[in-house]
């Protein structure tokens, strides 16, 4: 099991959420088994958590050009912080 954590700001949460929801097929393509979106209550800073069967699948998702395009379309502000974790 591998967990991919992405933290980034967005220009407009509602616009971002629409694009995020539309990217469900991209997450499924890479084997994402669970996802969760957390939002800072003071601004549009998001913490997005995805679960994958293994680290290779998580990295393939993070490296997919479609993800970069979706982030751009969604209005992500600044470079995202991307981290990988595995079960200890």
PDB file of N, CA and C in Angstrom:
ATOM      1  N   UNK A   1       0.849  -1.171   0.000  1.00  0.00           N
ATOM      2  CA  UNK A   1       0.000   0.000   0.000  1.00  0.00           C
ATOM      3  C   UNK A   1       0.891   1.230   0.000  1.00  0.00           C
ATOM      4  N   UNK A   2       0.509   2.242  -0.768  1.00  0.00           N
ATOM      5  CA  UNK A   2       1.246   3.501  -0.832  1.00  0.00           C
ATOM      6  C   UNK A   2       0.252   4.652  -0.756  1.00  0.00           C
ATOM      7  N   UNK A   3       0.688   5.710  -0.104  1.00  0.00           N
ATOM      8  CA  UNK A   3      -0.126   6.910   0.032  1.00  0.00           C
ATOM      9  C   UNK A   3       0.588   8.058  -0.653  1.00  0.00           C
ATOM     10  N   UNK A   4      -0.135   8.768  -1.487  1.00  0.00           N
ATOM     11  CA  UNK A   4       0.358   9.953  -2.174  1.00  0.00           C
ATOM     12  C   UNK A   4      -0.344  11.154  -1.551  1.00  0.00           C
ATOM     13  N   UNK A   5       0.436  12.111  -1.085  1.00  0.00           N
ATOM     14  CA  UNK A   5      -0.108  13.315  -0.465  1.00  0.00           C
ATOM     15  C   UNK A   5       0.314  14.508  -1.315  1.00  0.00           C
ATOM     16  N   UNK A   6      -0.659  15.303  -1.717  1.00  0.00           N
ATOM     17  CA  UNK A   6      -0.389  16.496  -2.526  1.00  0.00           C
ATOM     18  C   UNK A   6      -0.962  17.699  -1.785  1.00  0.00           C
ATOM     19  N   UNK A   7      -0.130  18.716  -1.626  1.00  0.00           N
ATOM     20  CA  UNK A   7      -0.583  19.958  -0.994  1.00  0.00           C
ATOM     21  C   UNK A   7      -0.363  21.097  -1.976  1.00  0.00           C
ATOM     22  N   UNK A   8      -1.404  21.893  -2.168  1.00  0.00           N
ATOM     23  CA  UNK A   8      -1.288  23.040  -3.066  1.00  0.00           C
ATOM     24  C   UNK A   8      -2.416  24.027  -2.821  1.00  0.00           C
ATOM     25  N   UNK A   9      -2.202  25.236  -3.281  1.00  0.00           N
ATOM     26  CA  UNK A   9      -3.239  26.250  -3.240  1.00  0.00           C
ATOM     27  C   UNK A   9      -4.025  26.225  -4.539  1.00  0.00           C
ATOM     28  N   UNK A  10      -5.224  26.783  -4.493  1.00  0.00           N
ATOM     29  CA  UNK A  10      -6.056  26.888  -5.690  1.00  0.00           C
ATOM     30  C   UNK A  10      -6.635  28.295  -5.775  1.00  0.00           C
ATOM     31  N   UNK A  11      -6.845  28.748  -6.987  1.00  0.00           N
ATOM     32  CA  UNK A  11      -7.409  30.081  -7.202  1.00  0.00           C
ATOM     33  C   UNK A  11      -8.878  30.134  -6.795  1.00  0.00           C
ATOM     34  N   UNK A  12      -9.611  29.038  -7.056  1.00  0.00           N
ATOM     35  CA  UNK A  12     -11.035  28.987  -6.756  1.00  0.00           C
ATOM     36  C   UNK A  12     -11.398  27.537  -6.453  1.00  0.00           C
ATOM     37  N   UNK A  13     -11.821  27.266  -5.233  1.00  0.00           N
ATOM     38  CA  UNK A  13     -12.088  25.884  -4.837  1.00  0.00           C
ATOM     39  C   UNK A  13     -13.156  25.224  -5.699  1.00  0.00           C
ATOM     40  N   UNK A  14     -14.255  25.906  -5.959  1.00  0.00           N
ATOM     41  CA  UNK A  14     -15.343  25.289  -6.722  1.00  0.00           C
ATOM     42  C   UNK A  14     -14.888  24.870  -8.117  1.00  0.00           C
ATOM     43  N   UNK A  15     -14.116  25.717  -8.785  1.00  0.00           N
ATOM     44  CA  UNK A  15     -13.587  25.363 -10.103  1.00  0.00           C
ATOM     45  C   UNK A  15     -12.637  24.184  -9.995  1.00  0.00           C
ATOM     46  N   UNK A  16     -11.779  24.218  -8.971  1.00  0.00           N
ATOM     47  CA  UNK A  16     -10.837  23.121  -8.758  1.00  0.00           C
ATOM     48  C   UNK A  16     -11.595  21.815  -8.542  1.00  0.00           C
ATOM     49  N   UNK A  17     -12.634  21.856  -7.715  1.00  0.00           N
ATOM     50  CA  UNK A  17     -13.371  20.638  -7.369  1.00  0.00           C
ATOM     51  C   UNK A  17     -14.014  20.012  -8.595  1.00  0.00           C
ATOM     52  N   UNK A  18     -14.533  20.831  -9.485  1.00  0.00           N
ATOM     53  CA  UNK A  18     -15.137  20.306 -10.713  1.00  0.00           C
ATOM     54  C   UNK A  18     -14.103  19.537 -11.525  1.00  0.00           C
ATOM     55  N   UNK A  19     -12.925  20.117 -11.688  1.00  0.00           N
ATOM     56  CA  UNK A  19     -11.864  19.443 -12.442  1.00  0.00           C
ATOM     57  C   UNK A  19     -11.404  18.192 -11.714  1.00  0.00           C
ATOM     58  N   UNK A  20     -11.266  18.268 -10.389  1.00  0.00           N
ATOM     59  CA  UNK A  20     -10.857  17.099  -9.602  1.00  0.00           C
ATOM     60  C   UNK A  20     -11.849  15.952  -9.801  1.00  0.00           C
ATOM     61  N   UNK A  21     -13.125  16.247  -9.695  1.00  0.00           N
ATOM     62  CA  UNK A  21     -14.139  15.213  -9.871  1.00  0.00           C
ATOM     63  C   UNK A  21     -14.109  14.636 -11.280  1.00  0.00           C
ATOM     64  N   UNK A  22     -13.858  15.473 -12.276  1.00  0.00           N
ATOM     65  CA  UNK A  22     -13.776  15.007 -13.662  1.00  0.00           C
ATOM     66  C   UNK A  22     -12.563  14.111 -13.900  1.00  0.00           C
ATOM     67  N   UNK A  23     -11.552  14.195 -13.030  1.00  0.00           N
ATOM     68  CA  UNK A  23     -10.322  13.402 -13.188  1.00  0.00           C
ATOM     69  C   UNK A  23     -10.422  12.022 -12.530  1.00  0.00           C
ATOM     70  N   UNK A  24     -11.610  11.621 -12.156  1.00  0.00           N
ATOM     71  CA  UNK A  24     -11.796  10.306 -11.526  1.00  0.00           C
ATOM     72  C   UNK A  24     -11.243   9.177 -12.398  1.00  0.00           C
ATOM     73  N   UNK A  25     -11.438   9.267 -13.707  1.00  0.00           N
ATOM     74  CA  UNK A  25     -10.935   8.204 -14.590  1.00  0.00           C
ATOM     75  C   UNK A  25      -9.411   8.127 -14.563  1.00  0.00           C
ATOM     76  N   UNK A  26      -8.742   9.251 -14.395  1.00  0.00           N
ATOM     77  CA  UNK A  26      -7.280   9.260 -14.296  1.00  0.00           C
ATOM     78  C   UNK A  26      -6.838   8.550 -13.022  1.00  0.00           C
ATOM     79  N   UNK A  27      -7.509   8.823 -11.911  1.00  0.00           N
ATOM     80  CA  UNK A  27      -7.170   8.149 -10.665  1.00  0.00           C
ATOM     81  C   UNK A  27      -7.418   6.650 -10.784  1.00  0.00           C
ATOM     82  N   UNK A  28      -8.537   6.285 -11.375  1.00  0.00           N
ATOM     83  CA  UNK A  28      -8.870   4.873 -11.558  1.00  0.00           C
ATOM     84  C   UNK A  28      -7.852   4.182 -12.460  1.00  0.00           C
ATOM     85  N   UNK A  29      -7.434   4.846 -13.508  1.00  0.00           N
ATOM     86  CA  UNK A  29      -6.453   4.289 -14.451  1.00  0.00           C
ATOM     87  C   UNK A  29      -5.177   3.856 -13.732  1.00  0.00           C
ATOM     88  N   UNK A  30      -4.794   4.577 -12.695  1.00  0.00           N
ATOM     89  CA  UNK A  30      -3.565   4.270 -11.969  1.00  0.00           C
ATOM     90  C   UNK A  30      -3.815   3.426 -10.719  1.00  0.00           C
ATOM     91  N   UNK A  31      -5.037   3.004 -10.516  1.00  0.00           N
ATOM     92  CA  UNK A  31      -5.328   2.085  -9.422  1.00  0.00           C
ATOM     93  C   UNK A  31      -5.619   2.723  -8.081  1.00  0.00           C
ATOM     94  N   UNK A  32      -5.956   4.003  -8.090  1.00  0.00           N
ATOM     95  CA  UNK A  32      -6.284   4.689  -6.839  1.00  0.00           C
ATOM     96  C   UNK A  32      -7.470   3.976  -6.182  1.00  0.00           C
ATOM     97  N   UNK A  33      -7.296   3.597  -4.920  1.00  0.00           N
ATOM     98  CA  UNK A  33      -8.344   2.865  -4.214  1.00  0.00           C
ATOM     99  C   UNK A  33      -9.146   3.744  -3.258  1.00  0.00           C
ATOM    100  N   UNK A  34      -8.594   4.892  -2.909  1.00  0.00           N
ATOM    101  CA  UNK A  34      -9.294   5.795  -1.992  1.00  0.00           C
ATOM    102  C   UNK A  34      -8.714   7.197  -2.153  1.00  0.00           C
ATOM    103  N   UNK A  35      -9.559   8.210  -1.997  1.00  0.00           N
ATOM    104  CA  UNK A  35      -9.069   9.586  -2.046  1.00  0.00           C
ATOM    105  C   UNK A  35      -9.813  10.429  -1.025  1.00  0.00           C
ATOM    106  N   UNK A  36      -9.137  11.474  -0.594  1.00  0.00           N
ATOM    107  CA  UNK A  36      -9.718  12.379   0.390  1.00  0.00           C
ATOM    108  C   UNK A  36      -9.165  13.775   0.142  1.00  0.00           C
ATOM    109  N   UNK A  37     -10.030  14.768   0.233  1.00  0.00           N
ATOM    110  CA  UNK A  37      -9.627  16.158   0.058  1.00  0.00           C
ATOM    111  C   UNK A  37      -9.886  16.897   1.363  1.00  0.00           C
ATOM    112  N   UNK A  38      -8.852  17.561   1.859  1.00  0.00           N
ATOM    113  CA  UNK A  38      -8.963  18.379   3.062  1.00  0.00           C
ATOM    114  C   UNK A  38      -8.666  19.816   2.682  1.00  0.00           C
ATOM    115  N   UNK A  39      -9.425  20.736   3.248  1.00  0.00           N
ATOM    116  CA  UNK A  39      -9.302  22.152   2.888  1.00  0.00           C
ATOM    117  C   UNK A  39      -9.004  22.992   4.124  1.00  0.00           C
ATOM    118  N   UNK A  40      -8.012  23.844   4.022  1.00  0.00           N
ATOM    119  CA  UNK A  40      -7.705  24.787   5.095  1.00  0.00           C
ATOM    120  C   UNK A  40      -8.896  25.727   5.241  1.00  0.00           C
ATOM    121  N   UNK A  41      -9.470  25.855   6.439  1.00  0.00           N
ATOM    122  CA  UNK A  41     -10.661  26.694   6.596  1.00  0.00           C
ATOM    123  C   UNK A  41     -10.388  28.190   6.429  1.00  0.00           C
ATOM    124  N   UNK A  42      -9.127  28.587   6.416  1.00  0.00           N
ATOM    125  CA  UNK A  42      -8.795  30.008   6.319  1.00  0.00           C
ATOM    126  C   UNK A  42      -8.481  30.480   4.912  1.00  0.00           C
ATOM    127  N   UNK A  43      -8.198  29.554   4.004  1.00  0.00           N
ATOM    128  CA  UNK A  43      -7.905  29.940   2.620  1.00  0.00           C
ATOM    129  C   UNK A  43      -8.108  28.738   1.712  1.00  0.00           C
ATOM    130  N   UNK A  44      -7.720  28.869   0.468  1.00  0.00           N
ATOM    131  CA  UNK A  44      -7.908  27.782  -0.492  1.00  0.00           C
ATOM    132  C   UNK A  44      -6.642  26.949  -0.630  1.00  0.00           C
ATOM    133  N   UNK A  45      -6.100  26.498   0.495  1.00  0.00           N
ATOM    134  CA  UNK A  45      -4.987  25.568   0.529  1.00  0.00           C
ATOM    135  C   UNK A  45      -5.574  24.173   0.746  1.00  0.00           C
ATOM    136  N   UNK A  46      -5.170  23.220  -0.099  1.00  0.00           N
ATOM    137  CA  UNK A  46      -5.743  21.882  -0.042  1.00  0.00           C
ATOM    138  C   UNK A  46      -4.686  20.838   0.275  1.00  0.00           C
ATOM    139  N   UNK A  47      -5.120  19.779   0.952  1.00  0.00           N
ATOM    140  CA  UNK A  47      -4.316  18.593   1.176  1.00  0.00           C
ATOM    141  C   UNK A  47      -5.119  17.449   0.581  1.00  0.00           C
ATOM    142  N   UNK A  48      -4.559  16.812  -0.446  1.00  0.00           N
ATOM    143  CA  UNK A  48      -5.256  15.754  -1.159  1.00  0.00           C
ATOM    144  C   UNK A  48      -4.502  14.454  -0.914  1.00  0.00           C
ATOM    145  N   UNK A  49      -5.213  13.435  -0.455  1.00  0.00           N
ATOM    146  CA  UNK A  49      -4.604  12.158  -0.098  1.00  0.00           C
ATOM    147  C   UNK A  49      -5.180  11.068  -0.997  1.00  0.00           C
ATOM    148  N   UNK A  50      -4.294  10.304  -1.632  1.00  0.00           N
ATOM    149  CA  UNK A  50      -4.707   9.192  -2.484  1.00  0.00           C
ATOM    150  C   UNK A  50      -4.015   7.917  -2.022  1.00  0.00           C
ATOM    151  N   UNK A  51      -4.746   6.814  -2.031  1.00  0.00           N
ATOM    152  CA  UNK A  51      -4.201   5.498  -1.696  1.00  0.00           C
ATOM    153  C   UNK A  51      -4.051   4.686  -2.985  1.00  0.00           C
ATOM    154  N   UNK A  52      -2.929   3.989  -3.092  1.00  0.00           N
ATOM    155  CA  UNK A  52      -2.638   3.145  -4.251  1.00  0.00           C
ATOM    156  C   UNK A  52      -2.165   1.776  -3.772  1.00  0.00           C
ATOM    157  N   UNK A  53      -2.269   0.762  -4.612  1.00  0.00           N
ATOM    158  CA  UNK A  53      -1.845  -0.576  -4.204  1.00  0.00           C
ATOM    159  C   UNK A  53      -0.335  -0.678  -3.928  1.00  0.00           C
ATOM    160  N   UNK A  54       0.451   0.161  -4.618  1.00  0.00           N
ATOM    161  CA  UNK A  54       1.897   0.117  -4.409  1.00  0.00           C
ATOM    162  C   UNK A  54       2.528   1.450  -4.815  1.00  0.00           C
ATOM    163  N   UNK A  55       3.794   1.601  -4.471  1.00  0.00           N
ATOM    164  CA  UNK A  55       4.509   2.846  -4.717  1.00  0.00           C
ATOM    165  C   UNK A  55       4.650   3.141  -6.208  1.00  0.00           C
ATOM    166  N   UNK A  56       4.863   2.114  -7.018  1.00  0.00           N
ATOM    167  CA  UNK A  56       4.990   2.332  -8.465  1.00  0.00           C
ATOM    168  C   UNK A  56       3.729   2.958  -9.048  1.00  0.00           C
ATOM    169  N   UNK A  57       2.562   2.498  -8.607  1.00  0.00           N
ATOM    170  CA  UNK A  57       1.300   3.049  -9.103  1.00  0.00           C
ATOM    171  C   UNK A  57       1.139   4.507  -8.664  1.00  0.00           C
ATOM    172  N   UNK A  58       1.513   4.797  -7.423  1.00  0.00           N
ATOM    173  CA  UNK A  58       1.411   6.171  -6.918  1.00  0.00           C
ATOM    174  C   UNK A  58       2.339   7.096  -7.705  1.00  0.00           C
ATOM    175  N   UNK A  59       3.546   6.650  -7.963  1.00  0.00           N
ATOM    176  CA  UNK A  59       4.493   7.474  -8.721  1.00  0.00           C
ATOM    177  C   UNK A  59       4.049   7.654 -10.167  1.00  0.00           C
ATOM    178  N   UNK A  60       3.495   6.596 -10.757  1.00  0.00           N
ATOM    179  CA  UNK A  60       3.015   6.700 -12.139  1.00  0.00           C
ATOM    180  C   UNK A  60       1.896   7.738 -12.229  1.00  0.00           C
ATOM    181  N   UNK A  61       1.023   7.760 -11.249  1.00  0.00           N
ATOM    182  CA  UNK A  61      -0.053   8.762 -11.222  1.00  0.00           C
ATOM    183  C   UNK A  61       0.532  10.166 -11.095  1.00  0.00           C
ATOM    184  N   UNK A  62       1.450  10.339 -10.161  1.00  0.00           N
ATOM    185  CA  UNK A  62       2.047  11.663  -9.936  1.00  0.00           C
ATOM    186  C   UNK A  62       2.814  12.160 -11.154  1.00  0.00           C
ATOM    187  N   UNK A  63       3.396  11.241 -11.929  1.00  0.00           N
ATOM    188  CA  UNK A  63       4.194  11.608 -13.093  1.00  0.00           C
ATOM    189  C   UNK A  63       3.383  11.707 -14.387  1.00  0.00           C
ATOM    190  N   UNK A  64       2.115  11.350 -14.327  1.00  0.00           N
ATOM    191  CA  UNK A  64       1.288  11.349 -15.532  1.00  0.00           C
ATOM    192  C   UNK A  64       1.077  12.787 -16.017  1.00  0.00           C
ATOM    193  N   UNK A  65       1.389  13.078 -17.280  1.00  0.00           N
ATOM    194  CA  UNK A  65       1.173  14.431 -17.815  1.00  0.00           C
ATOM    195  C   UNK A  65      -0.286  14.887 -17.722  1.00  0.00           C
ATOM    196  N   UNK A  66      -1.216  13.936 -17.725  1.00  0.00           N
ATOM    197  CA  UNK A  66      -2.632  14.301 -17.582  1.00  0.00           C
ATOM    198  C   UNK A  66      -2.903  14.930 -16.216  1.00  0.00           C
ATOM    199  N   UNK A  67      -2.187  14.491 -15.189  1.00  0.00           N
ATOM    200  CA  UNK A  67      -2.362  15.089 -13.867  1.00  0.00           C
ATOM    201  C   UNK A  67      -1.864  16.532 -13.873  1.00  0.00           C
ATOM    202  N   UNK A  68      -0.707  16.754 -14.461  1.00  0.00           N
ATOM    203  CA  UNK A  68      -0.174  18.120 -14.553  1.00  0.00           C
ATOM    204  C   UNK A  68      -1.144  19.032 -15.308  1.00  0.00           C
ATOM    205  N   UNK A  69      -1.715  18.508 -16.383  1.00  0.00           N
ATOM    206  CA  UNK A  69      -2.672  19.297 -17.164  1.00  0.00           C
ATOM    207  C   UNK A  69      -3.927  19.579 -16.345  1.00  0.00           C
ATOM    208  N   UNK A  70      -4.403  18.573 -15.618  1.00  0.00           N
ATOM    209  CA  UNK A  70      -5.602  18.766 -14.790  1.00  0.00           C
ATOM    210  C   UNK A  70      -5.347  19.814 -13.714  1.00  0.00           C
ATOM    211  N   UNK A  71      -4.162  19.787 -13.117  1.00  0.00           N
ATOM    212  CA  UNK A  71      -3.836  20.784 -12.089  1.00  0.00           C
ATOM    213  C   UNK A  71      -3.827  22.190 -12.678  1.00  0.00           C
ATOM    214  N   UNK A  72      -3.275  22.313 -13.859  1.00  0.00           N
ATOM    215  CA  UNK A  72      -3.239  23.621 -14.515  1.00  0.00           C
ATOM    216  C   UNK A  72      -4.658  24.097 -14.830  1.00  0.00           C
ATOM    217  N   UNK A  73      -5.464  23.205 -15.389  1.00  0.00           N
ATOM    218  CA  UNK A  73      -6.844  23.531 -15.727  1.00  0.00           C
ATOM    219  C   UNK A  73      -7.646  23.899 -14.479  1.00  0.00           C
ATOM    220  N   UNK A  74      -7.348  23.219 -13.372  1.00  0.00           N
ATOM    221  CA  UNK A  74      -8.095  23.418 -12.131  1.00  0.00           C
ATOM    222  C   UNK A  74      -7.736  24.713 -11.413  1.00  0.00           C
ATOM    223  N   UNK A  75      -6.651  25.354 -11.821  1.00  0.00           N
ATOM    224  CA  UNK A  75      -6.267  26.610 -11.194  1.00  0.00           C
ATOM    225  C   UNK A  75      -5.379  26.457  -9.975  1.00  0.00           C
ATOM    226  N   UNK A  76      -4.550  25.404  -9.977  1.00  0.00           N
ATOM    227  CA  UNK A  76      -3.586  25.235  -8.885  1.00  0.00           C
ATOM    228  C   UNK A  76      -2.607  26.403  -8.938  1.00  0.00           C
ATOM    229  N   UNK A  77      -2.374  27.012  -7.790  1.00  0.00           N
ATOM    230  CA  UNK A  77      -1.468  28.161  -7.719  1.00  0.00           C
ATOM    231  C   UNK A  77      -0.133  27.701  -7.157  1.00  0.00           C
ATOM    232  N   UNK A  78       0.902  27.948  -7.889  1.00  0.00           N
ATOM    233  CA  UNK A  78       2.239  27.564  -7.449  1.00  0.00           C
ATOM    234  C   UNK A  78       2.492  26.082  -7.606  1.00  0.00           C
ATOM    235  N   UNK A  79       3.739  25.688  -7.411  1.00  0.00           N
ATOM    236  CA  UNK A  79       4.069  24.264  -7.558  1.00  0.00           C
ATOM    237  C   UNK A  79       3.490  23.456  -6.395  1.00  0.00           C
ATOM    238  N   UNK A  80       2.934  22.279  -6.693  1.00  0.00           N
ATOM    239  CA  UNK A  80       2.391  21.443  -5.627  1.00  0.00           C
ATOM    240  C   UNK A  80       3.524  20.769  -4.838  1.00  0.00           C
ATOM    241  N   UNK A  81       3.242  20.485  -3.583  1.00  0.00           N
ATOM    242  CA  UNK A  81       4.161  19.688  -2.768  1.00  0.00           C
ATOM    243  C   UNK A  81       3.640  18.254  -2.822  1.00  0.00           C
ATOM    244  N   UNK A  82       4.462  17.344  -3.347  1.00  0.00           N
ATOM    245  CA  UNK A  82       4.048  15.955  -3.541  1.00  0.00           C
ATOM    246  C   UNK A  82       4.939  15.056  -2.689  1.00  0.00           C
ATOM    247  N   UNK A  83       4.305  14.186  -1.888  1.00  0.00           N
ATOM    248  CA  UNK A  83       5.035  13.277  -1.017  1.00  0.00           C
ATOM    249  C   UNK A  83       4.454  11.873  -1.129  1.00  0.00           C
ATOM    250  N   UNK A  84       5.310  10.881  -0.941  1.00  0.00           N
ATOM    251  CA  UNK A  84       4.916   9.485  -0.985  1.00  0.00           C
ATOM    252  C   UNK A  84       5.191   8.832   0.361  1.00  0.00           C
ATOM    253  N   UNK A  85       4.291   7.963   0.780  1.00  0.00           N
ATOM    254  CA  UNK A  85       4.459   7.220   2.031  1.00  0.00           C
ATOM    255  C   UNK A  85       4.053   5.771   1.794  1.00  0.00           C
ATOM    256  N   UNK A  86       4.709   4.857   2.504  1.00  0.00           N
ATOM    257  CA  UNK A  86       4.332   3.443   2.460  1.00  0.00           C
ATOM    258  C   UNK A  86       4.082   2.973   3.880  1.00  0.00           C
ATOM    259  N   UNK A  87       3.345   1.874   4.003  1.00  0.00           N
ATOM    260  CA  UNK A  87       3.069   1.322   5.321  1.00  0.00           C
ATOM    261  C   UNK A  87       4.378   0.924   5.993  1.00  0.00           C
ATOM    262  N   UNK A  88       4.482   1.226   7.270  1.00  0.00           N
ATOM    263  CA  UNK A  88       5.698   0.894   8.027  1.00  0.00           C
ATOM    264  C   UNK A  88       5.553  -0.460   8.681  1.00  0.00           C
TER     265      UNK A  88
END
